[in-house]
Amino acid sequence: MAIVIDTNIIFSMLLKRTSRLRQEFFEQTDEVYSPNFVMVELFKHKERLLKRSELPKTEIYELLHTILEKVRFINEYTITKRNKLKAFRMCQDVDENDTPIVALVLELNARLWTRDKELKQGLRRQGFKKFFTPKFK
């Protein structure tokens, strides 16, 4: 089954020298997807990432390149209006910025991999249960 990853997963993989999260990501055999919007989010928070990471800037960029090679990015325009609207309704009380990610999950009938506790709680309140849970937790 497909997995859609949230921006915070990519961000988290770039923070530490060693990471079980990163190990889980690279061992993943399911297809990993993300909306193009995630690229904008990564760029928007680039300075914060560089400041918080234990890695030197060159290693961050090399690792990011390797991570992005494994992710299939999907243009949000290919997602049906129905799924965009449903995702917006699901996210509006939590964080509307997560709409493209949730819309892609709905479009692909995928599981969502996120560390955003508020988003998870908000989606669970609406009956959404299709979360990806890493082996290591």
N, C-alpha and C. Protein backbone atom coordinates (compact mmCIF):
# COMPACT_ATOMS: atom_id res chain seq x y z
N MET A 1 0.84 -1.19 0.00
CA MET A 1 0.00 0.00 0.00
C MET A 1 0.88 1.24 0.00
N ALA A 2 0.43 2.28 -0.64
CA ALA A 2 1.18 3.52 -0.75
C ALA A 2 1.21 4.27 0.59
N ILE A 3 2.26 5.03 0.76
CA ILE A 3 2.43 5.87 1.95
C ILE A 3 2.64 7.31 1.47
N VAL A 4 1.94 8.24 2.10
CA VAL A 4 2.16 9.67 1.84
C VAL A 4 2.86 10.24 3.06
N ILE A 5 4.01 10.88 2.83
CA ILE A 5 4.75 11.44 3.95
C ILE A 5 4.52 12.94 4.05
N ASP A 6 4.46 13.37 5.28
CA ASP A 6 4.28 14.77 5.63
C ASP A 6 5.64 15.46 5.64
N THR A 7 5.65 16.76 5.55
CA THR A 7 6.88 17.55 5.57
C THR A 7 7.70 17.26 6.82
N ASN A 8 7.02 17.09 7.95
CA ASN A 8 7.76 16.90 9.20
C ASN A 8 8.56 15.61 9.23
N ILE A 9 8.19 14.63 8.43
CA ILE A 9 8.96 13.39 8.37
C ILE A 9 10.30 13.67 7.67
N ILE A 10 10.24 14.35 6.54
CA ILE A 10 11.48 14.68 5.83
C ILE A 10 12.35 15.58 6.70
N PHE A 11 11.75 16.58 7.29
CA PHE A 11 12.47 17.51 8.16
C PHE A 11 13.18 16.74 9.29
N SER A 12 12.46 15.82 9.92
CA SER A 12 13.02 15.06 11.03
C SER A 12 14.19 14.18 10.60
N MET A 13 14.13 13.64 9.39
CA MET A 13 15.22 12.80 8.91
C MET A 13 16.51 13.57 8.72
N LEU A 14 16.41 14.88 8.62
CA LEU A 14 17.58 15.71 8.36
C LEU A 14 18.19 16.32 9.61
N LEU A 15 17.65 16.00 10.77
CA LEU A 15 18.11 16.66 12.00
C LEU A 15 19.27 15.95 12.70
N LYS A 16 19.28 14.65 12.70
CA LYS A 16 20.25 13.88 13.50
C LYS A 16 21.25 13.16 12.62
N ARG A 17 22.42 12.88 13.20
CA ARG A 17 23.45 12.10 12.49
C ARG A 17 22.95 10.69 12.21
N THR A 18 22.36 10.05 13.21
CA THR A 18 21.76 8.74 13.02
C THR A 18 20.30 8.86 13.38
N SER A 19 19.48 8.12 12.66
CA SER A 19 18.05 8.27 12.85
C SER A 19 17.34 6.97 12.51
N ARG A 20 16.60 6.45 13.48
CA ARG A 20 15.78 5.27 13.20
C ARG A 20 14.69 5.61 12.20
N LEU A 21 14.21 6.82 12.25
CA LEU A 21 13.20 7.27 11.30
C LEU A 21 13.76 7.19 9.87
N ARG A 22 14.96 7.69 9.69
CA ARG A 22 15.60 7.65 8.37
C ARG A 22 15.84 6.21 7.93
N GLN A 23 16.26 5.38 8.86
CA GLN A 23 16.48 3.96 8.57
C GLN A 23 15.17 3.32 8.11
N GLU A 24 14.10 3.58 8.83
CA GLU A 24 12.78 3.05 8.47
C GLU A 24 12.37 3.53 7.07
N PHE A 25 12.63 4.79 6.80
CA PHE A 25 12.27 5.37 5.51
C PHE A 25 12.99 4.65 4.36
N PHE A 26 14.29 4.46 4.51
CA PHE A 26 15.06 3.84 3.44
C PHE A 26 14.83 2.34 3.32
N GLU A 27 14.35 1.72 4.38
CA GLU A 27 14.02 0.29 4.32
C GLU A 27 12.60 0.06 3.78
N GLN A 28 11.85 1.13 3.65
CA GLN A 28 10.46 1.04 3.21
C GLN A 28 10.37 0.44 1.81
N THR A 29 9.54 -0.58 1.67
CA THR A 29 9.35 -1.21 0.36
C THR A 29 8.09 -0.70 -0.34
N ASP A 30 7.18 -0.10 0.42
CA ASP A 30 5.99 0.49 -0.20
C ASP A 30 6.39 1.78 -0.93
N GLU A 31 5.60 2.14 -1.93
CA GLU A 31 5.83 3.39 -2.64
C GLU A 31 5.60 4.56 -1.69
N VAL A 32 6.47 5.55 -1.73
CA VAL A 32 6.37 6.72 -0.88
C VAL A 32 6.05 7.93 -1.76
N TYR A 33 5.00 8.66 -1.39
CA TYR A 33 4.53 9.80 -2.17
C TYR A 33 4.47 11.05 -1.29
N SER A 34 4.40 12.17 -1.98
CA SER A 34 4.18 13.43 -1.30
C SER A 34 3.70 14.44 -2.35
N PRO A 35 2.88 15.39 -1.94
CA PRO A 35 2.48 16.43 -2.90
C PRO A 35 3.64 17.40 -3.12
N ASN A 36 3.66 18.05 -4.26
CA ASN A 36 4.71 19.04 -4.56
C ASN A 36 4.79 20.12 -3.49
N PHE A 37 3.69 20.39 -2.84
CA PHE A 37 3.61 21.40 -1.78
C PHE A 37 4.69 21.19 -0.72
N VAL A 38 5.08 19.96 -0.48
CA VAL A 38 6.10 19.65 0.53
C VAL A 38 7.43 20.32 0.19
N MET A 39 7.74 20.40 -1.10
CA MET A 39 8.99 21.06 -1.52
C MET A 39 8.98 22.53 -1.10
N VAL A 40 7.85 23.17 -1.24
CA VAL A 40 7.71 24.57 -0.84
C VAL A 40 7.90 24.71 0.67
N GLU A 41 7.29 23.79 1.41
CA GLU A 41 7.42 23.81 2.87
C GLU A 41 8.87 23.62 3.31
N LEU A 42 9.57 22.70 2.67
CA LEU A 42 10.98 22.47 3.02
C LEU A 42 11.81 23.72 2.74
N PHE A 43 11.56 24.34 1.61
CA PHE A 43 12.30 25.56 1.26
C PHE A 43 11.97 26.69 2.23
N LYS A 44 10.70 26.79 2.59
CA LYS A 44 10.25 27.84 3.51
C LYS A 44 10.94 27.74 4.87
N HIS A 45 11.20 26.51 5.31
CA HIS A 45 11.79 26.29 6.64
C HIS A 45 13.26 25.91 6.58
N LYS A 46 13.89 26.18 5.46
CA LYS A 46 15.28 25.79 5.24
C LYS A 46 16.22 26.35 6.31
N GLU A 47 16.10 27.61 6.64
CA GLU A 47 17.01 28.23 7.62
C GLU A 47 16.85 27.59 9.00
N ARG A 48 15.62 27.33 9.38
CA ARG A 48 15.38 26.67 10.67
C ARG A 48 15.99 25.27 10.69
N LEU A 49 15.87 24.56 9.58
CA LEU A 49 16.46 23.24 9.46
C LEU A 49 17.98 23.30 9.59
N LEU A 50 18.60 24.20 8.87
CA LEU A 50 20.06 24.33 8.90
C LEU A 50 20.54 24.67 10.31
N LYS A 51 19.77 25.47 11.00
CA LYS A 51 20.15 25.88 12.36
C LYS A 51 19.99 24.73 13.37
N ARG A 52 18.96 23.92 13.23
CA ARG A 52 18.65 22.87 14.21
C ARG A 52 19.35 21.54 13.96
N SER A 53 19.82 21.32 12.74
CA SER A 53 20.40 20.03 12.40
C SER A 53 21.79 19.84 13.01
N GLU A 54 22.08 18.60 13.35
CA GLU A 54 23.41 18.23 13.82
C GLU A 54 24.38 18.06 12.65
N LEU A 55 23.84 18.02 11.45
CA LEU A 55 24.65 17.76 10.26
C LEU A 55 25.17 19.05 9.64
N PRO A 56 26.36 18.97 9.02
CA PRO A 56 26.84 20.12 8.27
C PRO A 56 25.96 20.35 7.03
N LYS A 57 25.95 21.57 6.56
CA LYS A 57 25.09 21.97 5.45
C LYS A 57 25.25 21.05 4.24
N THR A 58 26.47 20.71 3.87
CA THR A 58 26.68 19.85 2.69
C THR A 58 26.06 18.47 2.89
N GLU A 59 26.16 17.93 4.09
CA GLU A 59 25.55 16.61 4.36
C GLU A 59 24.03 16.69 4.32
N ILE A 60 23.49 17.78 4.82
CA ILE A 60 22.03 17.97 4.77
C ILE A 60 21.56 17.95 3.32
N TYR A 61 22.24 18.70 2.47
CA TYR A 61 21.84 18.76 1.06
C TYR A 61 21.99 17.41 0.36
N GLU A 62 23.06 16.69 0.65
CA GLU A 62 23.27 15.37 0.06
C GLU A 62 22.19 14.39 0.53
N LEU A 63 21.92 14.42 1.82
CA LEU A 63 20.90 13.53 2.37
C LEU A 63 19.52 13.90 1.83
N LEU A 64 19.23 15.17 1.75
CA LEU A 64 17.94 15.61 1.20
C LEU A 64 17.79 15.11 -0.23
N HIS A 65 18.83 15.20 -1.01
CA HIS A 65 18.79 14.72 -2.39
C HIS A 65 18.46 13.22 -2.42
N THR A 66 19.10 12.45 -1.55
CA THR A 66 18.87 11.01 -1.49
C THR A 66 17.43 10.70 -1.06
N ILE A 67 16.93 11.45 -0.08
CA ILE A 67 15.55 11.27 0.38
C ILE A 67 14.57 11.58 -0.75
N LEU A 68 14.78 12.72 -1.41
CA LEU A 68 13.85 13.15 -2.46
C LEU A 68 13.83 12.21 -3.65
N GLU A 69 14.93 11.49 -3.88
CA GLU A 69 14.97 10.52 -4.97
C GLU A 69 14.02 9.35 -4.71
N LYS A 70 13.77 9.06 -3.45
CA LYS A 70 12.90 7.93 -3.08
C LYS A 70 11.42 8.31 -3.09
N VAL A 71 11.12 9.59 -3.03
CA VAL A 71 9.73 10.07 -2.94
C VAL A 71 9.21 10.38 -4.35
N ARG A 72 8.01 9.91 -4.62
CA ARG A 72 7.33 10.26 -5.87
C ARG A 72 6.46 11.47 -5.59
N PHE A 73 6.82 12.60 -6.18
CA PHE A 73 6.08 13.83 -5.96
C PHE A 73 4.94 13.93 -6.96
N ILE A 74 3.78 14.33 -6.44
CA ILE A 74 2.56 14.40 -7.23
C ILE A 74 2.08 15.85 -7.27
N ASN A 75 1.77 16.29 -8.47
CA ASN A 75 1.24 17.63 -8.65
C ASN A 75 -0.18 17.68 -8.08
N GLU A 76 -0.44 18.66 -7.25
CA GLU A 76 -1.75 18.78 -6.60
C GLU A 76 -2.90 18.94 -7.59
N TYR A 77 -2.59 19.44 -8.80
CA TYR A 77 -3.63 19.64 -9.80
C TYR A 77 -4.20 18.32 -10.30
N THR A 78 -3.50 17.22 -10.07
CA THR A 78 -3.99 15.92 -10.52
C THR A 78 -4.95 15.28 -9.52
N ILE A 79 -5.07 15.88 -8.35
CA ILE A 79 -5.97 15.35 -7.31
C ILE A 79 -7.39 15.85 -7.61
N THR A 80 -8.34 14.95 -7.49
CA THR A 80 -9.72 15.32 -7.81
C THR A 80 -10.24 16.40 -6.86
N LYS A 81 -11.14 17.18 -7.39
CA LYS A 81 -11.76 18.26 -6.61
C LYS A 81 -12.47 17.68 -5.39
N ARG A 82 -13.09 16.53 -5.56
CA ARG A 82 -13.81 15.86 -4.47
C ARG A 82 -12.87 15.56 -3.30
N ASN A 83 -11.69 15.01 -3.60
CA ASN A 83 -10.74 14.68 -2.53
C ASN A 83 -10.12 15.93 -1.92
N LYS A 84 -9.91 16.96 -2.73
CA LYS A 84 -9.39 18.22 -2.19
C LYS A 84 -10.38 18.84 -1.20
N LEU A 85 -11.65 18.83 -1.58
CA LEU A 85 -12.69 19.39 -0.72
C LEU A 85 -12.85 18.58 0.56
N LYS A 86 -12.85 17.27 0.43
CA LYS A 86 -12.97 16.40 1.61
C LYS A 86 -11.78 16.62 2.54
N ALA A 87 -10.57 16.72 1.98
CA ALA A 87 -9.37 16.95 2.79
C ALA A 87 -9.43 18.31 3.47
N PHE A 88 -9.92 19.31 2.76
CA PHE A 88 -10.04 20.64 3.36
C PHE A 88 -10.97 20.59 4.57
N ARG A 89 -12.08 19.93 4.41
CA ARG A 89 -13.04 19.83 5.52
C ARG A 89 -12.42 19.09 6.71
N MET A 90 -11.62 18.08 6.41
CA MET A 90 -10.98 17.31 7.48
C MET A 90 -9.90 18.13 8.19
N CYS A 91 -9.25 19.04 7.48
CA CYS A 91 -8.11 19.78 8.03
C CYS A 91 -8.46 21.17 8.55
N GLN A 92 -9.60 21.69 8.18
CA GLN A 92 -9.89 23.10 8.47
C GLN A 92 -9.87 23.45 9.95
N ASP A 93 -10.21 22.53 10.82
CA ASP A 93 -10.19 22.82 12.25
C ASP A 93 -8.85 22.51 12.90
N VAL A 94 -7.93 21.93 12.13
CA VAL A 94 -6.61 21.58 12.66
C VAL A 94 -5.56 22.49 12.03
N ASP A 95 -5.30 22.31 10.74
CA ASP A 95 -4.33 23.12 10.01
C ASP A 95 -4.62 22.97 8.53
N GLU A 96 -5.17 24.01 7.93
CA GLU A 96 -5.53 23.98 6.51
C GLU A 96 -4.32 23.71 5.62
N ASN A 97 -3.12 24.02 6.09
CA ASN A 97 -1.91 23.79 5.30
C ASN A 97 -1.66 22.31 5.05
N ASP A 98 -2.29 21.44 5.82
CA ASP A 98 -2.12 20.01 5.63
C ASP A 98 -3.08 19.45 4.58
N THR A 99 -3.94 20.28 4.03
CA THR A 99 -4.93 19.84 3.05
C THR A 99 -4.31 19.10 1.87
N PRO A 100 -3.24 19.60 1.23
CA PRO A 100 -2.69 18.86 0.08
C PRO A 100 -2.19 17.47 0.44
N ILE A 101 -1.65 17.32 1.63
CA ILE A 101 -1.13 16.02 2.06
C ILE A 101 -2.28 15.04 2.27
N VAL A 102 -3.31 15.49 2.98
CA VAL A 102 -4.46 14.62 3.25
C VAL A 102 -5.21 14.33 1.95
N ALA A 103 -5.30 15.31 1.06
CA ALA A 103 -5.97 15.09 -0.23
C ALA A 103 -5.25 14.01 -1.03
N LEU A 104 -3.92 14.01 -0.99
CA LEU A 104 -3.17 12.98 -1.71
C LEU A 104 -3.38 11.61 -1.07
N VAL A 105 -3.46 11.56 0.25
CA VAL A 105 -3.75 10.30 0.94
C VAL A 105 -5.09 9.75 0.45
N LEU A 106 -6.09 10.61 0.39
CA LEU A 106 -7.42 10.19 -0.07
C LEU A 106 -7.38 9.75 -1.53
N GLU A 107 -6.68 10.51 -2.36
CA GLU A 107 -6.61 10.23 -3.80
C GLU A 107 -5.97 8.87 -4.08
N LEU A 108 -4.91 8.57 -3.34
CA LEU A 108 -4.17 7.33 -3.58
C LEU A 108 -4.67 6.16 -2.72
N ASN A 109 -5.63 6.45 -1.85
CA ASN A 109 -6.09 5.45 -0.88
C ASN A 109 -4.87 4.92 -0.12
N ALA A 110 -4.07 5.85 0.35
CA ALA A 110 -2.78 5.54 0.98
C ALA A 110 -2.87 5.68 2.49
N ARG A 111 -1.74 5.42 3.13
CA ARG A 111 -1.61 5.67 4.57
C ARG A 111 -0.79 6.93 4.76
N LEU A 112 -1.08 7.66 5.82
CA LEU A 112 -0.40 8.92 6.12
C LEU A 112 0.70 8.68 7.15
N TRP A 113 1.91 9.14 6.82
CA TRP A 113 3.04 9.07 7.75
C TRP A 113 3.35 10.49 8.20
N THR A 114 3.00 10.79 9.42
CA THR A 114 3.22 12.11 9.98
C THR A 114 3.58 12.01 11.44
N ARG A 115 4.24 13.03 11.93
CA ARG A 115 4.52 13.13 13.37
C ARG A 115 3.71 14.27 13.98
N ASP A 116 2.81 14.82 13.22
CA ASP A 116 1.99 15.94 13.66
C ASP A 116 0.84 15.41 14.52
N LYS A 117 1.00 15.51 15.83
CA LYS A 117 0.02 14.95 16.77
C LYS A 117 -1.34 15.62 16.64
N GLU A 118 -1.34 16.94 16.45
CA GLU A 118 -2.62 17.65 16.29
C GLU A 118 -3.37 17.16 15.06
N LEU A 119 -2.65 17.01 13.96
CA LEU A 119 -3.28 16.53 12.74
C LEU A 119 -3.84 15.13 12.94
N LYS A 120 -3.06 14.25 13.54
CA LYS A 120 -3.53 12.89 13.80
C LYS A 120 -4.80 12.90 14.65
N GLN A 121 -4.79 13.66 15.72
CA GLN A 121 -5.96 13.72 16.60
C GLN A 121 -7.17 14.27 15.86
N GLY A 122 -6.95 15.34 15.09
CA GLY A 122 -8.05 15.94 14.34
C GLY A 122 -8.64 14.99 13.32
N LEU A 123 -7.79 14.25 12.64
CA LEU A 123 -8.27 13.28 11.65
C LEU A 123 -8.96 12.09 12.32
N ARG A 124 -8.40 11.65 13.43
CA ARG A 124 -9.03 10.52 14.16
C ARG A 124 -10.43 10.89 14.64
N ARG A 125 -10.61 12.14 15.09
CA ARG A 125 -11.94 12.58 15.54
C ARG A 125 -12.98 12.45 14.43
N GLN A 126 -12.50 12.49 13.19
CA GLN A 126 -13.41 12.39 12.05
C GLN A 126 -13.47 10.98 11.48
N GLY A 127 -12.88 10.04 12.19
CA GLY A 127 -12.96 8.64 11.77
C GLY A 127 -11.84 8.18 10.87
N PHE A 128 -10.88 9.03 10.57
CA PHE A 128 -9.75 8.64 9.72
C PHE A 128 -8.80 7.76 10.53
N LYS A 129 -8.42 6.62 9.95
CA LYS A 129 -7.57 5.67 10.67
C LYS A 129 -6.37 5.19 9.86
N LYS A 130 -6.19 5.68 8.66
CA LYS A 130 -5.17 5.13 7.77
C LYS A 130 -3.82 5.83 7.96
N PHE A 131 -3.22 5.56 9.11
CA PHE A 131 -1.90 6.11 9.42
C PHE A 131 -0.85 5.03 9.23
N PHE A 132 0.31 5.45 8.76
CA PHE A 132 1.44 4.53 8.70
C PHE A 132 2.15 4.61 10.04
N THR A 133 2.41 3.45 10.65
CA THR A 133 3.11 3.40 11.91
C THR A 133 4.44 2.68 11.68
N PRO A 134 5.55 3.39 11.87
CA PRO A 134 6.85 2.73 11.69
C PRO A 134 7.04 1.59 12.68
N LYS A 135 7.87 0.64 12.30
CA LYS A 135 8.12 -0.52 13.15
C LYS A 135 8.72 -0.10 14.50
N PHE A 136 9.58 0.89 14.49
CA PHE A 136 10.30 1.27 15.69
C PHE A 136 9.48 2.11 16.65
N LYS A 137 8.48 2.79 16.14
CA LYS A 137 7.65 3.74 16.89
C LYS A 137 8.55 4.68 17.60
